[in-house]
């Protein structure tokens, strides 16, 4: 079961991080209008290397969202931020929705 669309009240733009090249980071094509639920609040989280960092925004979106750490995210407020971590939440066999959680700088 997926997260119901009526709960995803915001729209964000995501430019997925694809890796580093000789000229710096590379990104995929921007995906505009991704439905999400955004909470701009400060939290301590761990990044992909295990360091404690400060997150200033949390995004909840439908399962299967392509937003690896390092991706650029434009929030509904217009602020551009970077994804710190991405978690895919599932509960097979239970009546709870699956979703993707992205913590941003």
C-alpha atoms as a PDB file:
ATOM      1  CA  UNK A   1       0.000   0.000   0.000  1.00  0.00           C
ATOM      2  CA  UNK A   2       1.385   3.418  -0.964  1.00  0.00           C
ATOM      3  CA  UNK A   3       1.074   6.678   0.887  1.00  0.00           C
ATOM      4  CA  UNK A   4      -2.303   8.273  -0.043  1.00  0.00           C
ATOM      5  CA  UNK A   5      -1.867  11.160  -2.496  1.00  0.00           C
ATOM      6  CA  UNK A   6      -4.124  13.487  -0.488  1.00  0.00           C
ATOM      7  CA  UNK A   7      -1.471  13.537   2.273  1.00  0.00           C
ATOM      8  CA  UNK A   8       1.184  14.863  -0.100  1.00  0.00           C
ATOM      9  CA  UNK A   9       0.262  18.551   0.055  1.00  0.00           C
ATOM     10  CA  UNK A  10       3.468  20.130  -1.289  1.00  0.00           C
ATOM     11  CA  UNK A  11       5.402  20.064  -4.561  1.00  0.00           C
ATOM     12  CA  UNK A  12       9.217  19.889  -4.717  1.00  0.00           C
ATOM     13  CA  UNK A  13      11.755  19.761  -7.526  1.00  0.00           C
ATOM     14  CA  UNK A  14      14.425  17.071  -7.344  1.00  0.00           C
ATOM     15  CA  UNK A  15      17.622  16.911  -9.389  1.00  0.00           C
ATOM     16  CA  UNK A  16      19.087  13.455  -8.660  1.00  0.00           C
ATOM     17  CA  UNK A  17      22.786  13.179  -7.887  1.00  0.00           C
ATOM     18  CA  UNK A  18      24.525  10.732 -10.253  1.00  0.00           C
ATOM     19  CA  UNK A  19      28.121  10.837  -8.987  1.00  0.00           C
ATOM     20  CA  UNK A  20      31.365  12.728  -9.398  1.00  0.00           C
ATOM     21  CA  UNK A  21      33.277  13.327 -12.595  1.00  0.00           C
ATOM     22  CA  UNK A  22      36.576  15.007 -13.392  1.00  0.00           C
ATOM     23  CA  UNK A  23      34.642  18.291 -13.522  1.00  0.00           C
ATOM     24  CA  UNK A  24      32.690  17.920 -10.266  1.00  0.00           C
ATOM     25  CA  UNK A  25      29.327  16.426  -9.311  1.00  0.00           C
ATOM     26  CA  UNK A  26      26.959  15.241 -12.043  1.00  0.00           C
ATOM     27  CA  UNK A  27      23.174  15.300 -11.859  1.00  0.00           C
ATOM     28  CA  UNK A  28      20.285  13.734 -13.747  1.00  0.00           C
ATOM     29  CA  UNK A  29      17.367  15.652 -15.226  1.00  0.00           C
ATOM     30  CA  UNK A  30      15.328  17.741 -12.786  1.00  0.00           C
ATOM     31  CA  UNK A  31      11.931  16.308 -11.870  1.00  0.00           C
ATOM     32  CA  UNK A  32       9.499  19.180 -11.279  1.00  0.00           C
ATOM     33  CA  UNK A  33       6.286  18.929  -9.269  1.00  0.00           C
ATOM     34  CA  UNK A  34       7.060  15.868  -7.142  1.00  0.00           C
ATOM     35  CA  UNK A  35       4.234  15.550  -4.632  1.00  0.00           C
ATOM     36  CA  UNK A  36       5.491  15.431  -1.059  1.00  0.00           C
ATOM     37  CA  UNK A  37       4.841  16.361   2.534  1.00  0.00           C
ATOM     38  CA  UNK A  38       7.542  18.795   3.692  1.00  0.00           C
ATOM     39  CA  UNK A  39       8.427  19.692   7.281  1.00  0.00           C
ATOM     40  CA  UNK A  40      11.067  22.393   7.653  1.00  0.00           C
ATOM     41  CA  UNK A  41      12.414  21.656  11.120  1.00  0.00           C
ATOM     42  CA  UNK A  42      15.908  21.289  12.556  1.00  0.00           C
ATOM     43  CA  UNK A  43      17.047  17.762  13.512  1.00  0.00           C
ATOM     44  CA  UNK A  44      20.288  15.882  14.051  1.00  0.00           C
ATOM     45  CA  UNK A  45      20.735  13.001  11.558  1.00  0.00           C
ATOM     46  CA  UNK A  46      23.574  10.840  10.260  1.00  0.00           C
ATOM     47  CA  UNK A  47      24.818  11.273   6.709  1.00  0.00           C
ATOM     48  CA  UNK A  48      25.903   8.473   4.351  1.00  0.00           C
ATOM     49  CA  UNK A  49      29.364   8.435   6.008  1.00  0.00           C
ATOM     50  CA  UNK A  50      27.938   8.129   9.536  1.00  0.00           C
ATOM     51  CA  UNK A  51      28.719  11.691  10.657  1.00  0.00           C
ATOM     52  CA  UNK A  52      26.166  13.624  12.690  1.00  0.00           C
ATOM     53  CA  UNK A  53      24.872  16.579  10.683  1.00  0.00           C
ATOM     54  CA  UNK A  54      21.998  19.026  11.019  1.00  0.00           C
ATOM     55  CA  UNK A  55      18.944  18.563   8.817  1.00  0.00           C
ATOM     56  CA  UNK A  56      16.656  21.536   8.218  1.00  0.00           C
ATOM     57  CA  UNK A  57      13.950  19.828   6.151  1.00  0.00           C
ATOM     58  CA  UNK A  58      12.244  16.444   6.010  1.00  0.00           C
ATOM     59  CA  UNK A  59      10.435  15.268   2.873  1.00  0.00           C
ATOM     60  CA  UNK A  60       7.971  12.374   2.796  1.00  0.00           C
ATOM     61  CA  UNK A  61       7.080  11.177  -0.717  1.00  0.00           C
ATOM     62  CA  UNK A  62       5.680   8.167  -2.540  1.00  0.00           C
ATOM     63  CA  UNK A  63       7.754   4.976  -2.654  1.00  0.00           C
ATOM     64  CA  UNK A  64      10.297   4.715  -5.438  1.00  0.00           C
ATOM     65  CA  UNK A  65      11.418   8.354  -5.292  1.00  0.00           C
ATOM     66  CA  UNK A  66      14.813   8.787  -7.022  1.00  0.00           C
ATOM     67  CA  UNK A  67      16.646  11.087  -4.609  1.00  0.00           C
ATOM     68  CA  UNK A  68      20.030   9.703  -3.519  1.00  0.00           C
ATOM     69  CA  UNK A  69      22.152  11.626  -0.995  1.00  0.00           C
ATOM     70  CA  UNK A  70      23.746  14.623  -2.702  1.00  0.00           C
ATOM     71  CA  UNK A  71      20.678  15.384  -4.840  1.00  0.00           C
ATOM     72  CA  UNK A  72      19.479  18.982  -5.156  1.00  0.00           C
ATOM     73  CA  UNK A  73      16.016  19.691  -3.788  1.00  0.00           C
ATOM     74  CA  UNK A  74      13.963  22.870  -4.243  1.00  0.00           C
ATOM     75  CA  UNK A  75      11.461  23.163  -1.385  1.00  0.00           C
ATOM     76  CA  UNK A  76       8.000  24.783  -1.644  1.00  0.00           C
ATOM     77  CA  UNK A  77       9.452  27.899   0.012  1.00  0.00           C
ATOM     78  CA  UNK A  78      11.838  28.266  -2.947  1.00  0.00           C
ATOM     79  CA  UNK A  79      14.908  27.354  -0.903  1.00  0.00           C
ATOM     80  CA  UNK A  80      17.384  25.020  -2.615  1.00  0.00           C
ATOM     81  CA  UNK A  81      18.931  22.372  -0.375  1.00  0.00           C
ATOM     82  CA  UNK A  82      20.839  19.088  -0.637  1.00  0.00           C
ATOM     83  CA  UNK A  83      19.643  15.604   0.341  1.00  0.00           C
ATOM     84  CA  UNK A  84      21.596  14.150   3.278  1.00  0.00           C
ATOM     85  CA  UNK A  85      19.964  10.733   3.524  1.00  0.00           C
ATOM     86  CA  UNK A  86      17.157   8.753   1.945  1.00  0.00           C
ATOM     87  CA  UNK A  87      15.170   6.006   3.689  1.00  0.00           C
ATOM     88  CA  UNK A  88      12.598   3.731   2.131  1.00  0.00           C
ATOM     89  CA  UNK A  89       9.911   2.673   4.623  1.00  0.00           C
ATOM     90  CA  UNK A  90       7.903  -0.469   3.941  1.00  0.00           C
ATOM     91  CA  UNK A  91       5.847  -2.820   6.083  1.00  0.00           C
ATOM     92  CA  UNK A  92       4.912  -5.849   3.950  1.00  0.00           C
ATOM     93  CA  UNK A  93       1.733  -7.493   5.153  1.00  0.00           C
ATOM     94  CA  UNK A  94       0.789  -4.651   7.491  1.00  0.00           C
ATOM     95  CA  UNK A  95      -1.902  -2.050   6.752  1.00  0.00           C
ATOM     96  CA  UNK A  96       0.518   0.897   6.836  1.00  0.00           C
ATOM     97  CA  UNK A  97       1.611   2.890   3.783  1.00  0.00           C
ATOM     98  CA  UNK A  98       5.034   2.623   2.185  1.00  0.00           C
ATOM     99  CA  UNK A  99       6.917   5.873   1.608  1.00  0.00           C
ATOM    100  CA  UNK A 100      10.309   7.458   0.993  1.00  0.00           C
ATOM    101  CA  UNK A 101      11.806   9.836   3.568  1.00  0.00           C
ATOM    102  CA  UNK A 102      14.506  12.332   2.550  1.00  0.00           C
ATOM    103  CA  UNK A 103      16.415  14.401   5.102  1.00  0.00           C
ATOM    104  CA  UNK A 104      17.898  17.635   3.673  1.00  0.00           C
ATOM    105  CA  UNK A 105      20.551  20.145   4.743  1.00  0.00           C
END
